[in-house]
Amino acid sequence: MDADAVQLVVELVSPGNKTMDREFKPLLYAEASIPHFWRLEFDPAPRLIVSELHAGRYVETATALAGATTRINAPFPVDIDPAGLTRQ
């Protein structure tokens, strides 16, 4: 897929690749000018970190915590509770 067509990347942080998922991959996505980046963390509890591209780097705009519904407006409106994103 052409990066110009991508509006959002969602990264699921895995225990074996934390540094790659948190540090390296966001740099690649920013370099590709993908406007929205969400990172789903699982430890110690599920949380979704929402970021938008500003001046070539991602800036956190919201954090959705497990057990609470958070409204995210961009790149599309969605109400989300990260607790529902984990494997039961």
Protein backbone atom coordinates (compact mmCIF):
# COMPACT_ATOMS: atom_id res chain seq x y z
CA MET A 1 0.00 0.00 0.00
CA ASP A 2 1.20 3.49 -0.84
CA ALA A 3 1.95 5.47 2.35
CA ASP A 4 0.12 8.49 0.88
CA ALA A 5 -3.13 6.51 1.17
CA VAL A 6 -2.61 5.68 4.86
CA GLN A 7 -4.30 8.02 7.35
CA LEU A 8 -3.72 6.00 10.55
CA VAL A 9 -1.31 3.39 11.85
CA VAL A 10 -2.12 1.45 15.01
CA GLU A 11 0.84 -0.22 16.69
CA LEU A 12 0.24 -3.00 19.22
CA VAL A 13 3.19 -2.98 21.62
CA SER A 14 4.46 -6.51 22.06
CA PRO A 15 6.64 -7.62 24.99
CA GLY A 16 9.52 -8.71 22.76
CA ASN A 17 9.60 -5.55 20.62
CA LYS A 18 8.81 -2.69 23.01
CA THR A 19 11.69 -0.46 21.91
CA MET A 20 10.99 -1.08 18.23
CA ASP A 21 7.25 -0.44 18.66
CA ARG A 22 7.67 2.69 20.80
CA GLU A 23 10.76 4.32 19.33
CA PHE A 24 11.77 3.10 15.87
CA LYS A 25 8.48 2.40 14.09
CA PRO A 26 6.95 5.81 14.90
CA LEU A 27 9.98 7.45 13.28
CA LEU A 28 9.38 5.45 10.10
CA TYR A 29 5.67 6.32 10.07
CA ALA A 30 6.46 10.02 10.60
CA GLU A 31 9.03 9.90 7.81
CA ALA A 32 6.29 8.49 5.56
CA SER A 33 4.06 11.45 6.61
CA ILE A 34 1.27 9.28 8.01
CA PRO A 35 -0.86 11.86 9.84
CA HIS A 36 -2.16 9.74 12.73
CA PHE A 37 -0.44 7.18 14.95
CA TRP A 38 -2.08 5.24 17.77
CA ARG A 39 -0.08 2.99 20.12
CA LEU A 40 -1.89 0.33 22.12
CA GLU A 41 -0.04 -0.60 25.31
CA PHE A 42 -1.07 -3.64 27.36
CA ASP A 43 1.13 -3.44 30.45
CA PRO A 44 0.23 -2.78 33.24
CA ALA A 45 -3.29 -2.18 31.83
CA PRO A 46 -4.58 -1.50 28.33
CA ARG A 47 -4.24 2.11 27.19
CA LEU A 48 -4.31 3.75 23.80
CA ILE A 49 -1.95 6.65 23.15
CA VAL A 50 -3.27 8.85 20.34
CA SER A 51 -0.80 11.00 18.40
CA GLU A 52 -0.89 13.34 15.41
CA LEU A 53 1.92 14.38 13.11
CA HIS A 54 3.11 17.97 13.65
CA ALA A 55 6.24 19.38 12.03
CA GLY A 56 7.54 15.92 11.16
CA ARG A 57 7.06 14.27 14.55
CA TYR A 58 4.20 12.73 16.51
CA VAL A 59 2.66 14.69 19.33
CA GLU A 60 0.41 12.92 21.84
CA THR A 61 -3.09 14.37 21.78
CA ALA A 62 -4.97 11.94 24.05
CA THR A 63 -4.62 8.83 26.15
CA ALA A 64 -7.54 6.43 26.44
CA LEU A 65 -7.45 4.38 29.65
CA ALA A 66 -9.06 1.00 30.27
CA GLY A 67 -12.41 1.23 31.98
CA ALA A 68 -13.32 4.63 30.55
CA THR A 69 -14.75 5.52 27.17
CA THR A 70 -12.73 8.16 25.34
CA ARG A 71 -13.91 10.11 22.29
CA ILE A 72 -11.32 10.38 19.52
CA ASN A 73 -12.28 12.69 16.65
CA ALA A 74 -9.49 12.25 14.10
CA PRO A 75 -8.92 10.73 11.64
CA PHE A 76 -12.52 9.60 12.20
CA PRO A 77 -14.86 9.86 15.20
CA VAL A 78 -14.81 6.88 17.52
CA ASP A 79 -15.65 6.20 21.16
CA ILE A 80 -13.25 3.63 22.58
CA ASP A 81 -12.47 1.82 25.82
CA PRO A 82 -9.09 0.02 25.52
CA ALA A 83 -10.30 -2.65 27.97
CA GLY A 84 -12.36 -4.07 25.11
CA LEU A 85 -9.27 -4.45 22.90
CA THR A 86 -7.60 -7.22 24.88
CA ARG A 87 -7.84 -10.92 24.34
CA GLN A 88 -10.06 -12.54 26.95
